[in-house]
Amino acid sequence: MKNKTLPVAFLFITITIMAQNISQIKHLKKSDFENVVDGKKVSLYTLKNNSGMVTEITNYGGKVVSLWTADKHGNYEDIVLGYPDIDGFLTAKEKYFGALIGRYGNRIAKGKFTLNGNEYTLATNNDENHLHGGHKGYDAVVWDAKQINEQTLELRYISKDMEGGYPGNLTIKVQYELTDENELKIEYWATTDKPTVVNLTHHSFFNFKGAGHGSINNHLLQINAPYYTPVDKGLIPTGVLATVEGTPMDFRKLTAIGSRVDADFQQLKYGLGYDHNFVLNQNMKGLNYAAKVVEPISGRTMEVYTNEPGLQFYGGNFLDGTIKGKGNKIYEHRTAFCLETQHFPDSPNQSHFPSTKLDPGEVYYSICIYKFSSVK
């Protein structure tokens, strides 16, 4: 039986179309991100895979500044919110676009926790509570960056003892990798010289129509979670693990984000929409399926995998049309969503939540994979 080969003309047309589509990618200017902050050099790094995906990342806060993915027709759009230069991030009203978050992602009640009999006091930067590491979390520090290859960026940072109020010198490595399977893989490692708490996460704001291209309420969302952690009016978990059954929090099947966001449901009123931690099904040790998002018009699809027990789903409720981002796009109300893989909010004060304690001699490891495709 003879081997079948594609005609040369067909291959030429296919390659030409791919090249034309990839040419839609508008790279940011590296020079617009070159600066010195706190005595350390800031720059912009570009990762690209063999399928045509591109992401640009700055070592200021480890922020994913752009992420270009193809729709069902092969057309590329930048699907993460952000600013076109470093000045935008330095003066930002919304400073978490695309950022690495720590030492503790999410909220800690009243900025206090007790560890091994010692009470620690943190900044209260979210009304009376502590959020995302405080006034200057890892989103606002300059990481030491090393581009390993065209697809991999390594970031390192030493968070000193009592920085932000947290005990212990924490030595952190984060690796971003853009794989040939169209995955943005984010891995975290950390060690400490004193007992501490750690909860690192990533905070990209996604819109699969393209950043600044309208509401995300038509996006279909599935979260592999039978329970969530209800919150009080300050968005601190009450300690209850509540079933999603029969509530607007049930995303076990693909459901339009906006279909129930304005329902008469107290939890949605507290968060002005969705801003909640979901308790993921962890069927296996290691990597588990956490969520899926489909934008039905473009066909862009993302699956999320993690070893973390929780997923914070945020629906862009606090975007208010006052932020101008890349391409002079205005970021309106609910024009982005976040899916942050992490431990639960306020875990240091909730003994029955999965522990975020890290002791000397232990290695913290967390992984989040955002896997992209398109539905025809």
Protein backbone atom coordinates (compact mmCIF):
# COMPACT_ATOMS: atom_id res chain seq x y z
CA MET A 1 0.00 0.00 0.00
CA LYS A 2 1.44 3.37 -1.05
CA ASN A 3 1.87 6.18 1.43
CA LYS A 4 -0.53 9.03 0.83
CA THR A 5 0.99 12.49 0.82
CA LEU A 6 -0.70 15.88 0.73
CA PRO A 7 -0.35 17.86 -2.48
CA VAL A 8 2.38 20.51 -2.37
CA ALA A 9 -0.15 23.21 -3.33
CA PHE A 10 -2.38 22.29 -0.36
CA LEU A 11 0.54 22.45 2.04
CA PHE A 12 1.60 25.82 0.61
CA ILE A 13 -1.93 27.25 1.06
CA THR A 14 -2.17 25.88 4.61
CA ILE A 15 1.19 27.32 5.62
CA THR A 16 0.32 30.66 4.00
CA ILE A 17 -2.99 30.89 5.92
CA MET A 18 -1.25 30.02 9.19
CA ALA A 19 1.36 32.70 8.56
CA GLN A 20 -1.33 35.25 7.78
CA ASN A 21 -3.22 34.40 10.97
CA ILE A 22 -0.09 34.53 13.13
CA SER A 23 0.66 37.94 11.62
CA GLN A 24 -2.48 39.19 13.43
CA ILE A 25 -0.51 39.05 16.68
CA LYS A 26 0.47 42.55 17.77
CA HIS A 27 3.52 42.33 19.98
CA LEU A 28 3.96 44.88 22.73
CA LYS A 29 7.10 46.99 22.64
CA LYS A 30 9.76 45.58 24.91
CA SER A 31 11.15 49.08 25.38
CA ASP A 32 7.81 50.15 26.93
CA PHE A 33 8.44 47.71 29.77
CA GLU A 34 12.10 48.47 30.40
CA ASN A 35 12.49 50.29 33.69
CA VAL A 36 14.12 50.09 37.10
CA VAL A 37 11.83 49.52 40.08
CA ASP A 38 13.18 49.25 43.63
CA GLY A 39 16.68 49.11 42.14
CA LYS A 40 15.89 46.06 39.97
CA LYS A 41 15.57 45.84 36.20
CA VAL A 42 12.12 45.31 34.72
CA SER A 43 11.70 43.83 31.26
CA LEU A 44 9.26 41.98 28.99
CA TYR A 45 9.67 38.35 27.95
CA THR A 46 8.00 36.58 25.04
CA LEU A 47 7.05 32.90 24.97
CA LYS A 48 5.69 31.15 21.89
CA ASN A 49 4.95 27.57 20.99
CA ASN A 50 4.99 25.64 17.72
CA SER A 51 1.23 26.05 17.30
CA GLY A 52 1.33 29.83 17.06
CA MET A 53 0.31 30.80 20.61
CA VAL A 54 2.16 33.74 22.14
CA THR A 55 2.29 35.16 25.65
CA GLU A 56 4.23 38.17 26.93
CA ILE A 57 5.21 38.33 30.60
CA THR A 58 6.88 41.04 32.64
CA ASN A 59 9.00 40.25 35.68
CA TYR A 60 7.28 43.12 37.48
CA GLY A 61 4.81 41.08 39.50
CA GLY A 62 5.29 38.12 37.16
CA LYS A 63 2.38 39.50 35.15
CA VAL A 64 1.03 37.85 32.01
CA VAL A 65 0.58 40.97 29.90
CA SER A 66 -0.78 39.34 26.74
CA LEU A 67 -1.96 35.91 25.63
CA TRP A 68 -2.78 35.32 21.98
CA THR A 69 -4.93 32.30 21.10
CA ALA A 70 -6.76 31.24 17.95
CA ASP A 71 -10.53 31.00 17.50
CA LYS A 72 -12.33 28.30 15.49
CA HIS A 73 -11.39 30.06 12.24
CA GLY A 74 -7.73 30.36 13.19
CA ASN A 75 -7.95 34.07 13.94
CA TYR A 76 -5.90 35.33 16.87
CA GLU A 77 -6.95 37.64 19.71
CA ASP A 78 -5.27 38.74 22.90
CA ILE A 79 -7.55 37.28 25.59
CA VAL A 80 -6.16 38.78 28.82
CA LEU A 81 -6.69 42.27 30.21
CA GLY A 82 -3.70 44.46 30.95
CA TYR A 83 -1.80 47.64 30.18
CA PRO A 84 0.41 48.46 27.18
CA ASP A 85 3.43 49.57 29.21
CA ILE A 86 5.05 49.34 32.62
CA ASP A 87 3.76 52.78 33.63
CA GLY A 88 0.20 51.44 33.36
CA PHE A 89 0.98 48.68 35.85
CA LEU A 90 2.87 50.97 38.21
CA THR A 91 -0.03 53.44 38.46
CA ALA A 92 -2.85 50.93 38.00
CA LYS A 93 -6.24 51.18 39.63
CA GLU A 94 -6.57 47.42 39.05
CA LYS A 95 -3.09 46.16 39.84
CA TYR A 96 -3.69 42.41 39.71
CA PHE A 97 -4.09 41.96 35.92
CA GLY A 98 -2.12 38.80 35.06
CA ALA A 99 -0.16 38.86 38.34
CA LEU A 100 1.47 36.32 40.58
CA ILE A 101 -0.24 36.57 43.97
CA GLY A 102 1.29 35.96 47.40
CA ARG A 103 2.35 35.36 50.05
CA TYR A 104 -1.32 34.55 50.56
CA GLY A 105 -3.74 34.67 47.66
CA ASN A 106 -7.27 35.73 48.59
CA ARG A 107 -8.48 37.08 51.95
CA ILE A 108 -7.46 36.66 55.58
CA ALA A 109 -10.01 37.92 58.11
CA LYS A 110 -9.07 41.17 59.85
CA GLY A 111 -5.47 40.72 58.73
CA LYS A 112 -4.64 38.39 61.60
CA PHE A 113 -3.79 34.73 62.08
CA THR A 114 -2.17 32.58 64.76
CA LEU A 115 0.53 30.03 63.96
CA ASN A 116 2.21 27.82 66.56
CA GLY A 117 0.82 30.05 69.31
CA ASN A 118 2.13 33.30 67.77
CA GLU A 119 -0.25 35.93 66.41
CA TYR A 120 0.72 37.74 63.22
CA THR A 121 -0.75 41.01 61.99
CA LEU A 122 -0.99 41.77 58.26
CA ALA A 123 -2.01 44.85 56.30
CA THR A 124 -5.76 45.39 55.96
CA ASN A 125 -6.07 46.51 52.36
CA ASN A 126 -9.58 45.19 51.63
CA ASP A 127 -11.76 47.08 54.10
CA GLU A 128 -10.98 45.40 57.43
CA ASN A 129 -9.43 42.33 55.79
CA HIS A 130 -6.14 41.34 54.19
CA LEU A 131 -6.15 40.58 50.45
CA HIS A 132 -3.52 39.10 48.08
CA GLY A 133 -0.49 39.80 50.25
CA GLY A 134 -1.42 43.31 51.35
CA HIS A 135 -0.43 46.74 50.07
CA LYS A 136 2.65 45.31 48.37
CA GLY A 137 2.25 41.66 47.54
CA TYR A 138 4.16 39.63 44.99
CA ASP A 139 2.20 41.38 42.24
CA ALA A 140 4.25 44.53 42.98
CA VAL A 141 7.80 43.18 43.34
CA VAL A 142 10.45 42.63 40.68
CA TRP A 143 11.23 38.95 40.20
CA ASP A 144 14.62 37.69 39.02
CA ALA A 145 13.92 36.36 35.53
CA LYS A 146 15.69 33.80 33.35
CA GLN A 147 14.31 32.76 29.97
CA ILE A 148 15.15 29.07 29.75
CA ASN A 149 14.11 28.69 26.11
CA GLU A 150 11.53 30.02 23.65
CA GLN A 151 8.71 28.41 25.62
CA THR A 152 9.82 28.68 29.26
CA LEU A 153 10.40 31.54 31.70
CA GLU A 154 11.72 31.07 35.23
CA LEU A 155 11.09 33.65 37.95
CA ARG A 156 12.65 33.71 41.42
CA TYR A 157 12.05 35.83 44.49
CA ILE A 158 13.11 35.73 48.14
CA SER A 159 10.37 37.10 50.38
CA LYS A 160 12.11 38.15 53.57
CA ASP A 161 11.08 37.29 57.09
CA MET A 162 8.17 39.52 58.20
CA GLU A 163 7.73 41.02 54.73
CA GLY A 164 4.08 41.96 54.66
CA GLY A 165 3.82 40.65 58.23
CA TYR A 166 4.50 36.99 57.31
CA PRO A 167 7.09 34.97 59.21
CA GLY A 168 10.00 33.22 57.54
CA ASN A 169 12.33 33.85 54.62
CA LEU A 170 10.41 32.29 51.74
CA THR A 171 12.44 31.25 48.69
CA ILE A 172 10.18 30.99 45.64
CA LYS A 173 10.56 29.73 42.09
CA VAL A 174 7.79 30.08 39.51
CA GLN A 175 7.96 28.62 36.03
CA TYR A 176 5.77 29.69 33.13
CA GLU A 177 5.74 27.31 30.18
CA LEU A 178 3.81 27.59 26.93
CA THR A 179 3.63 23.98 25.77
CA ASP A 180 3.05 22.61 22.30
CA GLU A 181 -0.27 21.26 23.60
CA ASN A 182 -1.44 24.90 23.87
CA GLU A 183 -1.13 24.92 27.65
CA LEU A 184 -0.05 27.84 29.76
CA LYS A 185 1.52 25.84 32.58
CA ILE A 186 2.34 27.65 35.83
CA GLU A 187 4.35 25.80 38.50
CA TYR A 188 5.34 27.09 41.94
CA TRP A 189 7.95 25.86 44.40
CA ALA A 190 8.78 27.41 47.79
CA THR A 191 10.77 26.68 50.93
CA THR A 192 10.95 28.52 54.25
CA ASP A 193 13.29 28.80 57.22
CA LYS A 194 10.45 29.37 59.73
CA PRO A 195 6.90 28.03 59.95
CA THR A 196 4.70 30.20 57.76
CA VAL A 197 1.57 30.14 55.61
CA VAL A 198 1.71 30.09 51.81
CA ASN A 199 -1.01 30.28 49.16
CA LEU A 200 0.32 31.30 45.75
CA THR A 201 -1.88 31.80 42.70
CA HIS A 202 -2.22 33.50 39.32
CA HIS A 203 -4.64 36.30 38.49
CA SER A 204 -5.21 36.65 34.74
CA PHE A 205 -8.44 38.38 33.75
CA PHE A 206 -9.78 36.51 30.68
CA ASN A 207 -12.19 37.43 27.91
CA PHE A 208 -12.30 34.87 25.11
CA LYS A 209 -13.82 37.36 22.66
CA GLY A 210 -10.67 39.40 23.12
CA ALA A 211 -9.63 41.77 25.90
CA GLY A 212 -12.03 44.70 26.03
CA HIS A 213 -14.46 43.13 23.56
CA GLY A 214 -17.60 43.12 25.65
CA SER A 215 -19.28 41.11 28.39
CA ILE A 216 -18.18 37.65 29.47
CA ASN A 217 -21.71 36.72 30.53
CA ASN A 218 -22.22 34.59 27.40
CA HIS A 219 -19.18 32.45 28.22
CA LEU A 220 -20.15 28.92 29.29
CA LEU A 221 -18.53 27.78 32.53
CA GLN A 222 -18.16 24.39 34.15
CA ILE A 223 -16.58 23.99 37.61
CA ASN A 224 -15.86 20.50 38.91
CA ALA A 225 -17.09 21.32 42.41
CA PRO A 226 -20.04 19.97 44.43
CA TYR A 227 -19.46 22.50 47.24
CA TYR A 228 -18.40 26.10 47.72
CA THR A 229 -17.45 28.20 50.75
CA PRO A 230 -20.17 30.78 51.50
CA VAL A 231 -18.93 34.18 52.68
CA ASP A 232 -20.05 37.00 54.93
CA LYS A 233 -20.51 40.55 53.68
CA GLY A 234 -16.73 41.09 53.87
CA LEU A 235 -16.25 38.06 51.56
CA ILE A 236 -14.66 36.01 54.35
CA PRO A 237 -15.73 32.34 54.42
CA THR A 238 -18.17 31.48 57.19
CA GLY A 239 -16.47 28.10 57.60
CA VAL A 240 -19.36 26.15 56.06
CA LEU A 241 -18.91 23.90 53.04
CA ALA A 242 -22.26 24.39 51.27
CA THR A 243 -23.68 22.32 48.46
CA VAL A 244 -24.07 24.02 45.09
CA GLU A 245 -27.18 21.93 44.43
CA GLY A 246 -30.21 24.08 43.64
CA THR A 247 -28.30 27.37 43.80
CA PRO A 248 -26.79 29.82 41.27
CA MET A 249 -23.42 28.44 42.39
CA ASP A 250 -24.00 25.16 40.55
CA PHE A 251 -21.67 25.06 37.54
CA ARG A 252 -21.26 21.31 37.40
CA LYS A 253 -22.66 21.49 33.87
CA LEU A 254 -21.68 24.09 31.30
CA THR A 255 -23.76 27.15 32.16
CA ALA A 256 -23.70 30.73 30.87
CA ILE A 257 -21.91 32.89 33.44
CA GLY A 258 -24.57 35.57 33.23
CA SER A 259 -27.61 33.33 33.32
CA ARG A 260 -28.06 33.62 37.11
CA VAL A 261 -25.62 36.34 38.13
CA ASP A 262 -28.43 38.74 39.08
CA ALA A 263 -30.50 36.15 40.93
CA ASP A 264 -32.05 37.01 44.30
CA PHE A 265 -29.36 35.09 46.19
CA GLN A 266 -27.56 36.57 49.18
CA GLN A 267 -24.14 35.25 48.24
CA LEU A 268 -24.29 37.03 44.89
CA LYS A 269 -25.36 40.23 46.61
CA TYR A 270 -22.35 40.08 48.93
CA GLY A 271 -19.93 39.72 46.01
CA LEU A 272 -21.84 41.94 43.56
CA GLY A 273 -21.84 38.76 41.52
CA TYR A 274 -19.47 35.80 41.58
CA ASP A 275 -16.38 36.13 43.78
CA HIS A 276 -16.31 32.77 45.54
CA ASN A 277 -14.12 29.80 46.31
CA PHE A 278 -15.29 26.42 45.00
CA VAL A 279 -14.32 23.12 46.65
CA LEU A 280 -12.95 21.02 43.83
CA ASN A 281 -13.44 17.31 43.31
CA GLN A 282 -10.03 15.77 43.86
CA ASN A 283 -10.43 12.30 42.46
CA MET A 284 -6.75 11.56 42.13
CA LYS A 285 -3.52 12.55 43.81
CA GLY A 286 -1.77 15.22 41.82
CA LEU A 287 -3.40 16.86 38.83
CA ASN A 288 -7.19 17.09 38.67
CA TYR A 289 -9.69 18.61 36.27
CA ALA A 290 -11.02 21.84 37.78
CA ALA A 291 -12.97 23.84 35.20
CA LYS A 292 -13.84 24.50 31.58
CA VAL A 293 -14.86 27.69 29.77
CA VAL A 294 -16.30 27.94 26.25
CA GLU A 295 -17.04 31.15 24.37
CA PRO A 296 -19.66 29.94 21.86
CA ILE A 297 -19.15 32.56 19.13
CA SER A 298 -15.37 32.34 18.78
CA GLY A 299 -15.22 28.72 19.90
CA ARG A 300 -12.31 29.49 22.20
CA THR A 301 -12.16 26.92 24.97
CA MET A 302 -10.03 26.58 28.09
CA GLU A 303 -9.72 23.69 30.51
CA VAL A 304 -8.12 24.15 33.93
CA TYR A 305 -6.13 21.49 35.77
CA THR A 306 -4.52 21.79 39.20
CA ASN A 307 -3.37 20.00 42.35
CA GLU A 308 -5.05 22.67 44.49
CA PRO A 309 -8.24 21.97 46.51
CA GLY A 310 -9.96 25.24 45.61
CA LEU A 311 -10.80 27.48 42.68
CA GLN A 312 -11.74 31.14 43.09
CA PHE A 313 -14.18 32.24 40.39
CA TYR A 314 -14.43 35.99 39.95
CA GLY A 315 -16.73 37.53 37.36
CA GLY A 316 -15.24 41.00 36.91
CA ASN A 317 -17.81 42.64 39.17
CA PHE A 318 -15.56 45.51 40.22
CA LEU A 319 -14.54 46.55 36.71
CA ASP A 320 -16.44 49.80 36.22
CA GLY A 321 -15.46 51.35 32.89
CA THR A 322 -12.83 53.67 34.38
CA ILE A 323 -9.82 51.56 33.29
CA LYS A 324 -8.24 51.96 29.85
CA GLY A 325 -6.06 49.05 28.80
CA LYS A 326 -4.19 47.79 25.77
CA GLY A 327 -5.32 49.25 22.44
CA ASN A 328 -7.13 52.02 24.35
CA LYS A 329 -9.87 49.51 25.17
CA ILE A 330 -12.15 50.42 28.09
CA TYR A 331 -12.68 47.59 30.55
CA GLU A 332 -16.36 47.70 31.42
CA HIS A 333 -18.36 45.91 34.13
CA ARG A 334 -18.10 42.11 33.88
CA THR A 335 -15.88 42.10 30.80
CA ALA A 336 -13.48 39.57 32.30
CA PHE A 337 -13.40 36.52 34.53
CA CYS A 338 -10.71 34.94 36.71
CA LEU A 339 -10.19 31.31 37.67
CA GLU A 340 -7.57 31.19 40.40
CA THR A 341 -6.39 27.76 41.57
CA GLN A 342 -5.51 27.94 45.26
CA HIS A 343 -6.22 26.89 48.83
CA PHE A 344 -9.30 28.33 50.48
CA PRO A 345 -9.58 31.95 51.68
CA ASP A 346 -8.87 32.52 55.38
CA SER A 347 -7.53 28.98 55.83
CA PRO A 348 -5.09 30.06 58.59
CA ASN A 349 -8.15 30.92 60.71
CA GLN A 350 -10.24 27.90 59.70
CA SER A 351 -8.74 24.75 61.17
CA HIS A 352 -10.99 22.40 59.20
CA PHE A 353 -9.94 23.91 55.83
CA PRO A 354 -6.97 22.32 54.01
CA SER A 355 -3.84 23.65 55.70
CA THR A 356 -1.64 26.34 54.13
CA LYS A 357 1.13 25.87 56.70
CA LEU A 358 4.67 25.36 55.41
CA ASP A 359 7.42 24.21 57.76
CA PRO A 360 11.21 24.26 57.31
CA GLY A 361 12.36 21.18 55.42
CA GLU A 362 9.12 20.98 53.41
CA VAL A 363 8.71 22.00 49.76
CA TYR A 364 5.58 23.84 48.71
CA TYR A 365 4.47 22.82 45.22
CA SER A 366 1.48 24.06 43.25
CA ILE A 367 0.55 23.71 39.60
CA CYS A 368 -2.07 25.34 37.40
CA ILE A 369 -2.57 24.45 33.73
CA TYR A 370 -4.74 26.54 31.43
CA LYS A 371 -5.23 24.37 28.32
CA PHE A 372 -6.59 26.11 25.23
CA SER A 373 -8.40 24.81 22.15
CA SER A 374 -11.24 25.86 19.89
CA VAL A 375 -14.63 24.28 19.22
CA LYS A 376 -15.64 24.23 15.56
